[in-house]
C-alpha cells in the first residue's frame, strides 16, 4: 500500500502508483519512452532542497532514507515484499494518483544489457552516479549510486505517462479555476521555474542517505550451495524471519527429464567462523512424510517453520538444508540466509 508524502499530522493510506489492487505493476521491464521530448531529466533538475516526509526503510544491509515531498506517494518495502521489482528491499515513489513508480533499493549485484545503452555520469546525492538510458529515451532506466550510497540502485518502472508532466500545472488541478489561473499566470512569467516530475525525482534522489551500519531484519542470500548443476536445480530463500523461511525450488535445465520432488524435512546450520555447525534441535519433533512436486517450467515455494524444532534464531549467518529427489536419488541443497 502506498502512502502520501509531505508534511501531514498522520500518514494516510491511498491508492495510486499501482495501488493495492494493481501491485505488482503491469510493466516488467524498465520503461522506454517513445514520445518526443526535450526533457533532460537528470541534468536540468533545480537544485532546491526537498521538504516533506522523511521515510526510512531498514534492512539487513543497512537503512535507506529519502525525503518524500508533498503530492507524492511512497511504499516502503522490506525484504521479501512481493511488490519489489528487483531490489532486495527499498522504497517506491510516484506522484499521487499516478501508476508506475521509481524504485530505490539495495542491490548486492546489478547487471545491465549493453545493447542500446547510453550511460552518463552525474553527481547525485553528493557522489558520482551512473545513469543509464536505453534506445535514445529521454527517461533514464537506472541510476547506480557510488560513494557512501554504493549498492543502492534506482530504477524507473512504467513512468512514461507522468515523467514529463509539469509539476507546477499539476498542482493546480482540482482547485478553484480563478485561483488556479492566477497561480498559472504568475508561475508562467518565469519559465525557468517550471519543473517536471522527472526533474523532481532527481531532487528526491539527492536526499538519499544509506547507512550500512544500521542493519536489521532478515534476508536470503544466493551462493553456490543453493545450486546443484548435476540435476539442474536450485533453492533460494525468498522470505525469512526468526522462526521460518520460505524456500523457492526451481529447475533451470529443461533438458533433464523425470519428476523432481522435495519434502518437509530440513535442518538449519549456523556459521561459526569458516565452519557450519548444526543447531541443537529439540527432541521428539517429527516431519510429515509428504512429497512436493517441483514443476519443470516454473518454481514452487514451501515454508519451513522451525518454531518447534529450534525456537527463535539469534542474529547470525545461517543455511537451511533441504532435499530434492530426482532420478531415484537424493540431493542436498543449502540456501543461505542472514538474520540481523
C-alpha atoms as a PDB file:
ATOM      1  CA  UNK A   1       0.000   0.000   0.000  1.00  0.00           C
ATOM      2  CA  UNK A   2       1.352   3.417  -0.975  1.00  0.00           C
ATOM      3  CA  UNK A   3       1.302   6.303   1.479  1.00  0.00           C
ATOM      4  CA  UNK A   4       1.241  10.056   0.964  1.00  0.00           C
ATOM      5  CA  UNK A   5       4.440  12.042   1.291  1.00  0.00           C
ATOM      6  CA  UNK A   6       4.643  15.608   2.502  1.00  0.00           C
ATOM      7  CA  UNK A   7       4.002  17.210   5.878  1.00  0.00           C
ATOM      8  CA  UNK A   8       0.976  15.570   7.478  1.00  0.00           C
ATOM      9  CA  UNK A   9      -0.093  15.025  11.068  1.00  0.00           C
ATOM     10  CA  UNK A  10      -0.749  11.415  10.132  1.00  0.00           C
ATOM     11  CA  UNK A  11       0.191   9.264   7.155  1.00  0.00           C
ATOM     12  CA  UNK A  12      -2.836   8.436   5.019  1.00  0.00           C
ATOM     13  CA  UNK A  13      -3.166   5.205   3.087  1.00  0.00           C
ATOM     14  CA  UNK A  14      -4.139   5.799  -0.540  1.00  0.00           C
ATOM     15  CA  UNK A  15      -4.386   4.050  -3.845  1.00  0.00           C
ATOM     16  CA  UNK A  16      -2.320   5.152  -6.817  1.00  0.00           C
ATOM     17  CA  UNK A  17       1.115   4.307  -8.161  1.00  0.00           C
ATOM     18  CA  UNK A  18      -0.452   0.951  -8.863  1.00  0.00           C
ATOM     19  CA  UNK A  19      -2.251   0.973  -5.503  1.00  0.00           C
ATOM     20  CA  UNK A  20      -3.019  -2.161  -3.581  1.00  0.00           C
ATOM     21  CA  UNK A  21      -5.148  -3.700  -6.285  1.00  0.00           C
ATOM     22  CA  UNK A  22      -2.628  -3.405  -9.124  1.00  0.00           C
ATOM     23  CA  UNK A  23       0.733  -4.137  -7.483  1.00  0.00           C
ATOM     24  CA  UNK A  24       2.945  -5.606  -8.833  1.00  0.00           C
ATOM     25  CA  UNK A  25       2.631  -3.147 -11.720  1.00  0.00           C
ATOM     26  CA  UNK A  26       1.913  -4.400 -15.218  1.00  0.00           C
ATOM     27  CA  UNK A  27       5.308  -3.430 -16.615  1.00  0.00           C
ATOM     28  CA  UNK A  28       8.072  -5.972 -16.156  1.00  0.00           C
ATOM     29  CA  UNK A  29      10.837  -4.057 -17.924  1.00  0.00           C
ATOM     30  CA  UNK A  30      12.463  -0.647 -17.348  1.00  0.00           C
ATOM     31  CA  UNK A  31      10.441   1.933 -19.244  1.00  0.00           C
ATOM     32  CA  UNK A  32      11.495   3.047 -22.729  1.00  0.00           C
ATOM     33  CA  UNK A  33       9.911   6.351 -23.719  1.00  0.00           C
ATOM     34  CA  UNK A  34       8.585   6.587 -27.257  1.00  0.00           C
ATOM     35  CA  UNK A  35       7.485  10.246 -27.160  1.00  0.00           C
ATOM     36  CA  UNK A  36       9.306  13.300 -28.448  1.00  0.00           C
ATOM     37  CA  UNK A  37      10.548  15.437 -25.571  1.00  0.00           C
ATOM     38  CA  UNK A  38      13.260  17.904 -24.715  1.00  0.00           C
ATOM     39  CA  UNK A  39      13.286  16.922 -21.052  1.00  0.00           C
ATOM     40  CA  UNK A  40      16.820  16.271 -19.887  1.00  0.00           C
ATOM     41  CA  UNK A  41      15.641  14.574 -16.683  1.00  0.00           C
ATOM     42  CA  UNK A  42      18.850  14.072 -14.772  1.00  0.00           C
ATOM     43  CA  UNK A  43      20.659  17.246 -15.869  1.00  0.00           C
ATOM     44  CA  UNK A  44      18.039  20.000 -15.596  1.00  0.00           C
ATOM     45  CA  UNK A  45      16.740  19.369 -12.061  1.00  0.00           C
ATOM     46  CA  UNK A  46      16.623  22.530  -9.982  1.00  0.00           C
ATOM     47  CA  UNK A  47      18.999  22.425  -7.053  1.00  0.00           C
ATOM     48  CA  UNK A  48      16.323  23.036  -4.424  1.00  0.00           C
ATOM     49  CA  UNK A  49      16.071  21.497  -1.011  1.00  0.00           C
ATOM     50  CA  UNK A  50      13.261  18.946  -0.906  1.00  0.00           C
ATOM     51  CA  UNK A  51      10.946  19.327   2.080  1.00  0.00           C
ATOM     52  CA  UNK A  52       8.464  16.677   3.120  1.00  0.00           C
ATOM     53  CA  UNK A  53       8.188  13.384   4.944  1.00  0.00           C
ATOM     54  CA  UNK A  54      11.395  11.569   5.856  1.00  0.00           C
ATOM     55  CA  UNK A  55      10.965   7.869   5.101  1.00  0.00           C
ATOM     56  CA  UNK A  56      13.418   5.206   6.254  1.00  0.00           C
ATOM     57  CA  UNK A  57      13.347   1.575   5.149  1.00  0.00           C
ATOM     58  CA  UNK A  58      15.549  -0.560   7.423  1.00  0.00           C
ATOM     59  CA  UNK A  59      17.172  -3.691   6.077  1.00  0.00           C
ATOM     60  CA  UNK A  60      19.771  -6.375   6.713  1.00  0.00           C
ATOM     61  CA  UNK A  61      22.477  -4.497   4.795  1.00  0.00           C
ATOM     62  CA  UNK A  62      21.681  -1.015   6.078  1.00  0.00           C
ATOM     63  CA  UNK A  63      18.917   1.598   6.149  1.00  0.00           C
ATOM     64  CA  UNK A  64      17.691   3.628   3.159  1.00  0.00           C
ATOM     65  CA  UNK A  65      16.307   7.113   3.812  1.00  0.00           C
ATOM     66  CA  UNK A  66      14.582   9.541   1.414  1.00  0.00           C
ATOM     67  CA  UNK A  67      12.599  12.767   1.782  1.00  0.00           C
ATOM     68  CA  UNK A  68       9.218  12.410   0.027  1.00  0.00           C
ATOM     69  CA  UNK A  69       7.653  15.782  -0.911  1.00  0.00           C
ATOM     70  CA  UNK A  70       4.014  16.831  -0.668  1.00  0.00           C
ATOM     71  CA  UNK A  71       1.988  15.438  -3.570  1.00  0.00           C
ATOM     72  CA  UNK A  72       3.913  12.174  -3.767  1.00  0.00           C
ATOM     73  CA  UNK A  73       3.149   8.647  -2.592  1.00  0.00           C
ATOM     74  CA  UNK A  74       5.570   6.032  -1.364  1.00  0.00           C
ATOM     75  CA  UNK A  75       5.713   2.396  -0.450  1.00  0.00           C
ATOM     76  CA  UNK A  76       8.381   1.183   1.965  1.00  0.00           C
ATOM     77  CA  UNK A  77       9.241  -2.405   1.025  1.00  0.00           C
ATOM     78  CA  UNK A  78      11.026  -4.743   3.403  1.00  0.00           C
ATOM     79  CA  UNK A  79      12.976  -7.807   2.256  1.00  0.00           C
ATOM     80  CA  UNK A  80      10.646 -10.364   0.714  1.00  0.00           C
ATOM     81  CA  UNK A  81       7.927  -7.853  -0.251  1.00  0.00           C
ATOM     82  CA  UNK A  82       6.205  -9.165  -3.392  1.00  0.00           C
ATOM     83  CA  UNK A  83       5.845  -5.588  -4.711  1.00  0.00           C
ATOM     84  CA  UNK A  84       9.602  -5.271  -5.265  1.00  0.00           C
ATOM     85  CA  UNK A  85      10.759  -5.404  -8.874  1.00  0.00           C
ATOM     86  CA  UNK A  86      14.450  -6.128  -8.430  1.00  0.00           C
ATOM     87  CA  UNK A  87      15.719  -4.692  -5.160  1.00  0.00           C
ATOM     88  CA  UNK A  88      16.294  -6.731  -2.032  1.00  0.00           C
ATOM     89  CA  UNK A  89      14.393  -4.023  -0.130  1.00  0.00           C
ATOM     90  CA  UNK A  90      13.761  -0.327  -0.664  1.00  0.00           C
ATOM     91  CA  UNK A  91      11.284   2.490  -1.288  1.00  0.00           C
ATOM     92  CA  UNK A  92       8.965   3.016  -4.280  1.00  0.00           C
ATOM     93  CA  UNK A  93       7.779   6.558  -5.132  1.00  0.00           C
ATOM     94  CA  UNK A  94       5.402   8.233  -7.579  1.00  0.00           C
ATOM     95  CA  UNK A  95       3.163  11.325  -7.854  1.00  0.00           C
ATOM     96  CA  UNK A  96      -0.210  10.979  -6.135  1.00  0.00           C
ATOM     97  CA  UNK A  97      -2.721   9.102  -8.286  1.00  0.00           C
ATOM     98  CA  UNK A  98      -0.210   8.003 -10.929  1.00  0.00           C
ATOM     99  CA  UNK A  99       0.679   4.466 -11.968  1.00  0.00           C
ATOM    100  CA  UNK A 100       4.239   3.255 -12.296  1.00  0.00           C
ATOM    101  CA  UNK A 101       6.995   4.166  -9.887  1.00  0.00           C
ATOM    102  CA  UNK A 102      10.678   4.709  -9.238  1.00  0.00           C
ATOM    103  CA  UNK A 103      12.131   2.003  -7.024  1.00  0.00           C
ATOM    104  CA  UNK A 104      15.147   2.931  -4.913  1.00  0.00           C
ATOM    105  CA  UNK A 105      16.638  -0.095  -3.219  1.00  0.00           C
ATOM    106  CA  UNK A 106      19.552  -2.235  -2.172  1.00  0.00           C
ATOM    107  CA  UNK A 107      21.155  -4.438  -4.835  1.00  0.00           C
ATOM    108  CA  UNK A 108      24.014  -6.779  -3.994  1.00  0.00           C
ATOM    109  CA  UNK A 109      24.714  -7.019  -7.730  1.00  0.00           C
ATOM    110  CA  UNK A 110      23.287  -5.111 -10.696  1.00  0.00           C
ATOM    111  CA  UNK A 111      23.834  -6.157 -14.296  1.00  0.00           C
ATOM    112  CA  UNK A 112      22.741  -4.274 -17.409  1.00  0.00           C
ATOM    113  CA  UNK A 113      22.336  -5.068 -21.095  1.00  0.00           C
ATOM    114  CA  UNK A 114      24.753  -3.080 -23.248  1.00  0.00           C
ATOM    115  CA  UNK A 115      22.579  -3.083 -26.377  1.00  0.00           C
ATOM    116  CA  UNK A 116      21.172   0.389 -26.992  1.00  0.00           C
ATOM    117  CA  UNK A 117      22.604   1.688 -23.723  1.00  0.00           C
ATOM    118  CA  UNK A 118      23.973   5.183 -23.179  1.00  0.00           C
ATOM    119  CA  UNK A 119      25.462   5.978 -19.770  1.00  0.00           C
ATOM    120  CA  UNK A 120      26.074   9.385 -18.256  1.00  0.00           C
ATOM    121  CA  UNK A 121      27.965  10.308 -15.109  1.00  0.00           C
ATOM    122  CA  UNK A 122      26.309  12.803 -12.800  1.00  0.00           C
ATOM    123  CA  UNK A 123      26.655  13.826  -9.170  1.00  0.00           C
ATOM    124  CA  UNK A 124      23.600  12.540  -7.300  1.00  0.00           C
ATOM    125  CA  UNK A 125      23.206  12.562  -3.514  1.00  0.00           C
ATOM    126  CA  UNK A 126      26.673  14.074  -3.216  1.00  0.00           C
ATOM    127  CA  UNK A 127      28.591  11.397  -5.120  1.00  0.00           C
ATOM    128  CA  UNK A 128      29.201  10.102  -8.620  1.00  0.00           C
ATOM    129  CA  UNK A 129      26.423   8.038 -10.176  1.00  0.00           C
ATOM    130  CA  UNK A 130      25.980   6.094 -13.410  1.00  0.00           C
ATOM    131  CA  UNK A 131      22.719   7.000 -15.169  1.00  0.00           C
ATOM    132  CA  UNK A 132      21.596   4.636 -17.923  1.00  0.00           C
ATOM    133  CA  UNK A 133      19.341   5.424 -20.894  1.00  0.00           C
ATOM    134  CA  UNK A 134      18.143   2.894 -23.477  1.00  0.00           C
ATOM    135  CA  UNK A 135      17.373   3.326 -27.174  1.00  0.00           C
ATOM    136  CA  UNK A 136      17.593   7.106 -27.180  1.00  0.00           C
ATOM    137  CA  UNK A 137      14.984   7.571 -24.461  1.00  0.00           C
ATOM    138  CA  UNK A 138      14.945  10.845 -22.508  1.00  0.00           C
ATOM    139  CA  UNK A 139      13.836   8.884 -19.432  1.00  0.00           C
ATOM    140  CA  UNK A 140      16.609   7.068 -17.637  1.00  0.00           C
ATOM    141  CA  UNK A 141      16.166   3.403 -16.801  1.00  0.00           C
ATOM    142  CA  UNK A 142      18.509   3.276 -13.832  1.00  0.00           C
ATOM    143  CA  UNK A 143      20.801   5.231 -11.534  1.00  0.00           C
ATOM    144  CA  UNK A 144      23.641   3.324  -9.880  1.00  0.00           C
ATOM    145  CA  UNK A 145      24.975   5.187  -6.856  1.00  0.00           C
ATOM    146  CA  UNK A 146      28.577   5.212  -5.627  1.00  0.00           C
ATOM    147  CA  UNK A 147      30.428   6.537  -2.618  1.00  0.00           C
ATOM    148  CA  UNK A 148      28.550   6.237   0.677  1.00  0.00           C
ATOM    149  CA  UNK A 149      25.458   5.093  -1.248  1.00  0.00           C
ATOM    150  CA  UNK A 150      27.153   2.220  -3.059  1.00  0.00           C
ATOM    151  CA  UNK A 151      24.881  -0.825  -3.523  1.00  0.00           C
ATOM    152  CA  UNK A 152      21.824   1.420  -3.935  1.00  0.00           C
ATOM    153  CA  UNK A 153      20.131   1.477  -7.356  1.00  0.00           C
ATOM    154  CA  UNK A 154      17.137   3.483  -8.587  1.00  0.00           C
ATOM    155  CA  UNK A 155      15.051   2.133 -11.483  1.00  0.00           C
ATOM    156  CA  UNK A 156      12.083   3.532 -13.407  1.00  0.00           C
ATOM    157  CA  UNK A 157       9.066   1.285 -13.941  1.00  0.00           C
ATOM    158  CA  UNK A 158       6.211   2.322 -16.255  1.00  0.00           C
ATOM    159  CA  UNK A 159       6.678   6.055 -15.579  1.00  0.00           C
ATOM    160  CA  UNK A 160       6.330   7.459 -19.106  1.00  0.00           C
ATOM    161  CA  UNK A 161       2.742   8.687 -18.509  1.00  0.00           C
ATOM    162  CA  UNK A 162       3.835  11.235 -15.907  1.00  0.00           C
ATOM    163  CA  UNK A 163       7.608  11.725 -16.172  1.00  0.00           C
ATOM    164  CA  UNK A 164       7.473  14.833 -18.396  1.00  0.00           C
ATOM    165  CA  UNK A 165       4.361  16.418 -16.892  1.00  0.00           C
ATOM    166  CA  UNK A 166       4.794  19.880 -15.425  1.00  0.00           C
ATOM    167  CA  UNK A 167       4.614  19.752 -11.623  1.00  0.00           C
ATOM    168  CA  UNK A 168       3.505  23.412 -11.441  1.00  0.00           C
ATOM    169  CA  UNK A 169       0.429  22.873 -13.591  1.00  0.00           C
ATOM    170  CA  UNK A 170      -0.471  19.567 -11.960  1.00  0.00           C
ATOM    171  CA  UNK A 171      -0.517  21.215  -8.540  1.00  0.00           C
ATOM    172  CA  UNK A 172      -3.417  23.492  -9.633  1.00  0.00           C
ATOM    173  CA  UNK A 173      -5.734  20.658 -10.743  1.00  0.00           C
ATOM    174  CA  UNK A 174      -8.974  20.439  -8.787  1.00  0.00           C
ATOM    175  CA  UNK A 175      -8.648  23.969  -7.323  1.00  0.00           C
ATOM    176  CA  UNK A 176     -10.887  26.969  -7.934  1.00  0.00           C
ATOM    177  CA  UNK A 177     -10.379  27.944 -11.587  1.00  0.00           C
ATOM    178  CA  UNK A 178      -9.810  31.652 -10.896  1.00  0.00           C
ATOM    179  CA  UNK A 179      -7.164  30.931  -8.252  1.00  0.00           C
ATOM    180  CA  UNK A 180      -5.597  28.322 -10.492  1.00  0.00           C
ATOM    181  CA  UNK A 181      -5.437  30.786 -13.393  1.00  0.00           C
ATOM    182  CA  UNK A 182      -3.792  33.445 -11.243  1.00  0.00           C
ATOM    183  CA  UNK A 183      -1.237  30.950 -10.000  1.00  0.00           C
ATOM    184  CA  UNK A 184      -0.529  29.721 -13.516  1.00  0.00           C
ATOM    185  CA  UNK A 185      -0.101  33.276 -14.844  1.00  0.00           C
ATOM    186  CA  UNK A 186       2.291  34.087 -12.017  1.00  0.00           C
ATOM    187  CA  UNK A 187       4.316  30.934 -12.422  1.00  0.00           C
ATOM    188  CA  UNK A 188       4.483  31.147 -16.197  1.00  0.00           C
ATOM    189  CA  UNK A 189       6.100  34.580 -16.013  1.00  0.00           C
ATOM    190  CA  UNK A 190       9.356  32.794 -15.338  1.00  0.00           C
ATOM    191  CA  UNK A 191       9.516  29.602 -17.390  1.00  0.00           C
ATOM    192  CA  UNK A 192      12.755  28.611 -15.701  1.00  0.00           C
ATOM    193  CA  UNK A 193      10.770  27.851 -12.535  1.00  0.00           C
ATOM    194  CA  UNK A 194       8.801  25.101 -14.266  1.00  0.00           C
ATOM    195  CA  UNK A 195       9.696  21.642 -13.056  1.00  0.00           C
ATOM    196  CA  UNK A 196       8.746  18.239 -14.433  1.00  0.00           C
ATOM    197  CA  UNK A 197       8.113  15.193 -12.304  1.00  0.00           C
ATOM    198  CA  UNK A 198      11.202  13.591 -13.800  1.00  0.00           C
ATOM    199  CA  UNK A 199      13.308  16.516 -12.600  1.00  0.00           C
ATOM    200  CA  UNK A 200      11.680  16.353  -9.179  1.00  0.00           C
ATOM    201  CA  UNK A 201      12.636  12.667  -8.983  1.00  0.00           C
ATOM    202  CA  UNK A 202      16.267  13.753  -9.244  1.00  0.00           C
ATOM    203  CA  UNK A 203      15.756  16.178  -6.367  1.00  0.00           C
ATOM    204  CA  UNK A 204      14.279  13.363  -4.294  1.00  0.00           C
ATOM    205  CA  UNK A 205      17.251  11.140  -5.129  1.00  0.00           C
ATOM    206  CA  UNK A 206      19.552  13.911  -3.929  1.00  0.00           C
ATOM    207  CA  UNK A 207      18.113  13.365  -0.436  1.00  0.00           C
ATOM    208  CA  UNK A 208      19.202   9.707  -0.395  1.00  0.00           C
ATOM    209  CA  UNK A 209      21.052   8.516   2.685  1.00  0.00           C
ATOM    210  CA  UNK A 210      22.262   4.927   3.018  1.00  0.00           C
ATOM    211  CA  UNK A 211      23.611   3.863   6.404  1.00  0.00           C
ATOM    212  CA  UNK A 212      25.313   0.470   6.199  1.00  0.00           C
ATOM    213  CA  UNK A 213      25.794   0.412   9.980  1.00  0.00           C
ATOM    214  CA  UNK A 214      22.044   0.265  10.702  1.00  0.00           C
ATOM    215  CA  UNK A 215      21.345  -3.383   9.936  1.00  0.00           C
ATOM    216  CA  UNK A 216      18.132  -5.151  10.896  1.00  0.00           C
ATOM    217  CA  UNK A 217      15.717  -7.793   9.661  1.00  0.00           C
ATOM    218  CA  UNK A 218      16.469 -10.963   7.708  1.00  0.00           C
ATOM    219  CA  UNK A 219      17.135 -11.856   4.078  1.00  0.00           C
ATOM    220  CA  UNK A 220      18.010 -14.752   1.814  1.00  0.00           C
ATOM    221  CA  UNK A 221      21.440 -14.767   0.161  1.00  0.00           C
ATOM    222  CA  UNK A 222      22.429 -16.545  -3.053  1.00  0.00           C
ATOM    223  CA  UNK A 223      25.578 -18.667  -3.056  1.00  0.00           C
ATOM    224  CA  UNK A 224      26.790 -21.860  -4.742  1.00  0.00           C
ATOM    225  CA  UNK A 225      25.377 -24.103  -2.003  1.00  0.00           C
ATOM    226  CA  UNK A 226      21.902 -23.223  -3.246  1.00  0.00           C
ATOM    227  CA  UNK A 227      22.531 -24.752  -6.664  1.00  0.00           C
ATOM    228  CA  UNK A 228      23.121 -28.281  -7.991  1.00  0.00           C
ATOM    229  CA  UNK A 229      24.262 -28.426 -11.612  1.00  0.00           C
ATOM    230  CA  UNK A 230      24.028 -32.219 -11.737  1.00  0.00           C
ATOM    231  CA  UNK A 231      20.241 -32.112 -11.630  1.00  0.00           C
ATOM    232  CA  UNK A 232      19.837 -28.513 -12.831  1.00  0.00           C
ATOM    233  CA  UNK A 233      18.004 -27.292  -9.740  1.00  0.00           C
ATOM    234  CA  UNK A 234      18.377 -24.579  -7.135  1.00  0.00           C
ATOM    235  CA  UNK A 235      16.714 -23.496  -3.909  1.00  0.00           C
ATOM    236  CA  UNK A 236      16.577 -19.886  -2.738  1.00  0.00           C
ATOM    237  CA  UNK A 237      15.310 -18.350   0.490  1.00  0.00           C
ATOM    238  CA  UNK A 238      12.801 -15.709  -0.635  1.00  0.00           C
ATOM    239  CA  UNK A 239      11.334 -14.787   2.762  1.00  0.00           C
ATOM    240  CA  UNK A 240      12.726 -15.368   6.226  1.00  0.00           C
ATOM    241  CA  UNK A 241      12.081 -14.475   9.863  1.00  0.00           C
ATOM    242  CA  UNK A 242      13.466 -15.677  13.190  1.00  0.00           C
ATOM    243  CA  UNK A 243      11.096 -18.660  13.123  1.00  0.00           C
ATOM    244  CA  UNK A 244      10.576 -19.641   9.471  1.00  0.00           C
ATOM    245  CA  UNK A 245      11.881 -19.449   5.919  1.00  0.00           C
ATOM    246  CA  UNK A 246      10.149 -19.698   2.559  1.00  0.00           C
ATOM    247  CA  UNK A 247      12.273 -21.604   0.042  1.00  0.00           C
ATOM    248  CA  UNK A 248      11.638 -21.436  -3.698  1.00  0.00           C
ATOM    249  CA  UNK A 249      12.693 -24.507  -5.696  1.00  0.00           C
ATOM    250  CA  UNK A 250      13.421 -24.086  -9.413  1.00  0.00           C
ATOM    251  CA  UNK A 251      14.568 -26.322 -12.253  1.00  0.00           C
ATOM    252  CA  UNK A 252      16.861 -24.394 -14.589  1.00  0.00           C
ATOM    253  CA  UNK A 253      17.841 -27.144 -17.051  1.00  0.00           C
ATOM    254  CA  UNK A 254      14.803 -28.033 -19.207  1.00  0.00           C
ATOM    255  CA  UNK A 255      16.748 -30.863 -20.910  1.00  0.00           C
ATOM    256  CA  UNK A 256      16.629 -33.068 -17.833  1.00  0.00           C
ATOM    257  CA  UNK A 257      13.632 -35.388 -17.698  1.00  0.00           C
ATOM    258  CA  UNK A 258      11.754 -37.052 -14.860  1.00  0.00           C
ATOM    259  CA  UNK A 259       9.899 -35.920 -11.779  1.00  0.00           C
ATOM    260  CA  UNK A 260      11.599 -33.775  -9.159  1.00  0.00           C
ATOM    261  CA  UNK A 261      10.297 -33.645  -5.621  1.00  0.00           C
ATOM    262  CA  UNK A 262      11.116 -32.123  -2.271  1.00  0.00           C
ATOM    263  CA  UNK A 263       9.550 -32.583   1.139  1.00  0.00           C
ATOM    264  CA  UNK A 264       9.059 -31.363   4.696  1.00  0.00           C
ATOM    265  CA  UNK A 265      12.394 -32.486   6.123  1.00  0.00           C
ATOM    266  CA  UNK A 266      15.002 -29.815   6.774  1.00  0.00           C
ATOM    267  CA  UNK A 267      17.754 -28.810   9.179  1.00  0.00           C
ATOM    268  CA  UNK A 268      19.422 -25.475   9.932  1.00  0.00           C
ATOM    269  CA  UNK A 269      23.109 -24.740  10.436  1.00  0.00           C
ATOM    270  CA  UNK A 270      24.817 -21.594  11.714  1.00  0.00           C
ATOM    271  CA  UNK A 271      28.169 -20.326  10.514  1.00  0.00           C
ATOM    272  CA  UNK A 272      30.878 -20.087  13.167  1.00  0.00           C
ATOM    273  CA  UNK A 273      33.999 -18.608  11.631  1.00  0.00           C
ATOM    274  CA  UNK A 274      34.538 -20.683   8.480  1.00  0.00           C
ATOM    275  CA  UNK A 275      32.603 -23.685   9.741  1.00  0.00           C
ATOM    276  CA  UNK A 276      28.923 -24.586   9.533  1.00  0.00           C
ATOM    277  CA  UNK A 277      27.589 -26.042  12.773  1.00  0.00           C
ATOM    278  CA  UNK A 278      24.279 -27.869  13.215  1.00  0.00           C
ATOM    279  CA  UNK A 279      21.849 -26.232  15.623  1.00  0.00           C
ATOM    280  CA  UNK A 280      20.717 -28.144  18.683  1.00  0.00           C
ATOM    281  CA  UNK A 281      17.251 -29.419  17.847  1.00  0.00           C
ATOM    282  CA  UNK A 282      14.511 -30.170  20.318  1.00  0.00           C
ATOM    283  CA  UNK A 283      13.659 -33.826  20.924  1.00  0.00           C
ATOM    284  CA  UNK A 284      10.574 -35.616  19.629  1.00  0.00           C
ATOM    285  CA  UNK A 285       9.939 -33.363  16.635  1.00  0.00           C
ATOM    286  CA  UNK A 286       8.543 -35.300  13.671  1.00  0.00           C
ATOM    287  CA  UNK A 287       8.299 -34.295   9.990  1.00  0.00           C
ATOM    288  CA  UNK A 288       5.342 -35.067   7.758  1.00  0.00           C
ATOM    289  CA  UNK A 289       6.187 -37.586   5.050  1.00  0.00           C
ATOM    290  CA  UNK A 290       4.811 -35.745   2.030  1.00  0.00           C
ATOM    291  CA  UNK A 291       6.113 -35.104  -1.440  1.00  0.00           C
ATOM    292  CA  UNK A 292       6.106 -31.661  -3.087  1.00  0.00           C
ATOM    293  CA  UNK A 293       6.463 -31.745  -6.867  1.00  0.00           C
ATOM    294  CA  UNK A 294       8.873 -29.240  -8.431  1.00  0.00           C
ATOM    295  CA  UNK A 295       7.353 -28.358 -11.839  1.00  0.00           C
ATOM    296  CA  UNK A 296       9.607 -28.348 -14.864  1.00  0.00           C
ATOM    297  CA  UNK A 297       8.520 -24.980 -16.226  1.00  0.00           C
ATOM    298  CA  UNK A 298       8.059 -22.981 -13.028  1.00  0.00           C
ATOM    299  CA  UNK A 299       9.203 -22.915  -9.439  1.00  0.00           C
ATOM    300  CA  UNK A 300       7.403 -23.982  -6.298  1.00  0.00           C
ATOM    301  CA  UNK A 301       7.701 -22.425  -2.839  1.00  0.00           C
ATOM    302  CA  UNK A 302       7.414 -24.073   0.558  1.00  0.00           C
ATOM    303  CA  UNK A 303       7.583 -22.618   4.045  1.00  0.00           C
ATOM    304  CA  UNK A 304       9.731 -24.331   6.668  1.00  0.00           C
ATOM    305  CA  UNK A 305       8.749 -23.370  10.216  1.00  0.00           C
ATOM    306  CA  UNK A 306      11.327 -24.243  12.884  1.00  0.00           C
ATOM    307  CA  UNK A 307       9.461 -22.890  15.917  1.00  0.00           C
ATOM    308  CA  UNK A 308       9.053 -26.374  17.406  1.00  0.00           C
ATOM    309  CA  UNK A 309      12.489 -27.535  16.274  1.00  0.00           C
ATOM    310  CA  UNK A 310      14.779 -24.634  17.230  1.00  0.00           C
ATOM    311  CA  UNK A 311      12.622 -21.813  18.580  1.00  0.00           C
ATOM    312  CA  UNK A 312      13.613 -18.261  17.581  1.00  0.00           C
ATOM    313  CA  UNK A 313      17.014 -17.909  15.928  1.00  0.00           C
ATOM    314  CA  UNK A 314      19.512 -15.383  17.176  1.00  0.00           C
ATOM    315  CA  UNK A 315      21.217 -12.952  14.778  1.00  0.00           C
ATOM    316  CA  UNK A 316      23.734 -14.739  12.591  1.00  0.00           C
ATOM    317  CA  UNK A 317      24.663 -16.334   9.277  1.00  0.00           C
ATOM    318  CA  UNK A 318      22.582 -19.460   8.541  1.00  0.00           C
ATOM    319  CA  UNK A 319      21.751 -22.021   5.904  1.00  0.00           C
ATOM    320  CA  UNK A 320      18.792 -24.362   5.660  1.00  0.00           C
ATOM    321  CA  UNK A 321      19.457 -27.878   4.371  1.00  0.00           C
ATOM    322  CA  UNK A 322      16.683 -29.232   2.174  1.00  0.00           C
ATOM    323  CA  UNK A 323      16.417 -32.302  -0.046  1.00  0.00           C
ATOM    324  CA  UNK A 324      15.487 -32.838  -3.680  1.00  0.00           C
ATOM    325  CA  UNK A 325      14.741 -36.268  -5.126  1.00  0.00           C
ATOM    326  CA  UNK A 326      15.489 -36.708  -8.836  1.00  0.00           C
ATOM    327  CA  UNK A 327      16.066 -39.899 -10.815  1.00  0.00           C
ATOM    328  CA  UNK A 328      15.580 -42.039  -7.679  1.00  0.00           C
ATOM    329  CA  UNK A 329      18.467 -40.256  -5.987  1.00  0.00           C
ATOM    330  CA  UNK A 330      18.598 -37.778  -3.133  1.00  0.00           C
ATOM    331  CA  UNK A 331      20.408 -34.471  -3.447  1.00  0.00           C
ATOM    332  CA  UNK A 332      21.036 -31.764  -0.837  1.00  0.00           C
ATOM    333  CA  UNK A 333      20.656 -28.030  -1.366  1.00  0.00           C
ATOM    334  CA  UNK A 334      21.596 -25.476   1.282  1.00  0.00           C
ATOM    335  CA  UNK A 335      20.299 -21.946   0.608  1.00  0.00           C
ATOM    336  CA  UNK A 336      21.830 -19.272   2.774  1.00  0.00           C
ATOM    337  CA  UNK A 337      20.167 -16.519   4.840  1.00  0.00           C
ATOM    338  CA  UNK A 338      21.057 -13.783   7.303  1.00  0.00           C
ATOM    339  CA  UNK A 339      19.334 -12.646  10.494  1.00  0.00           C
ATOM    340  CA  UNK A 340      20.447  -9.297  11.891  1.00  0.00           C
END
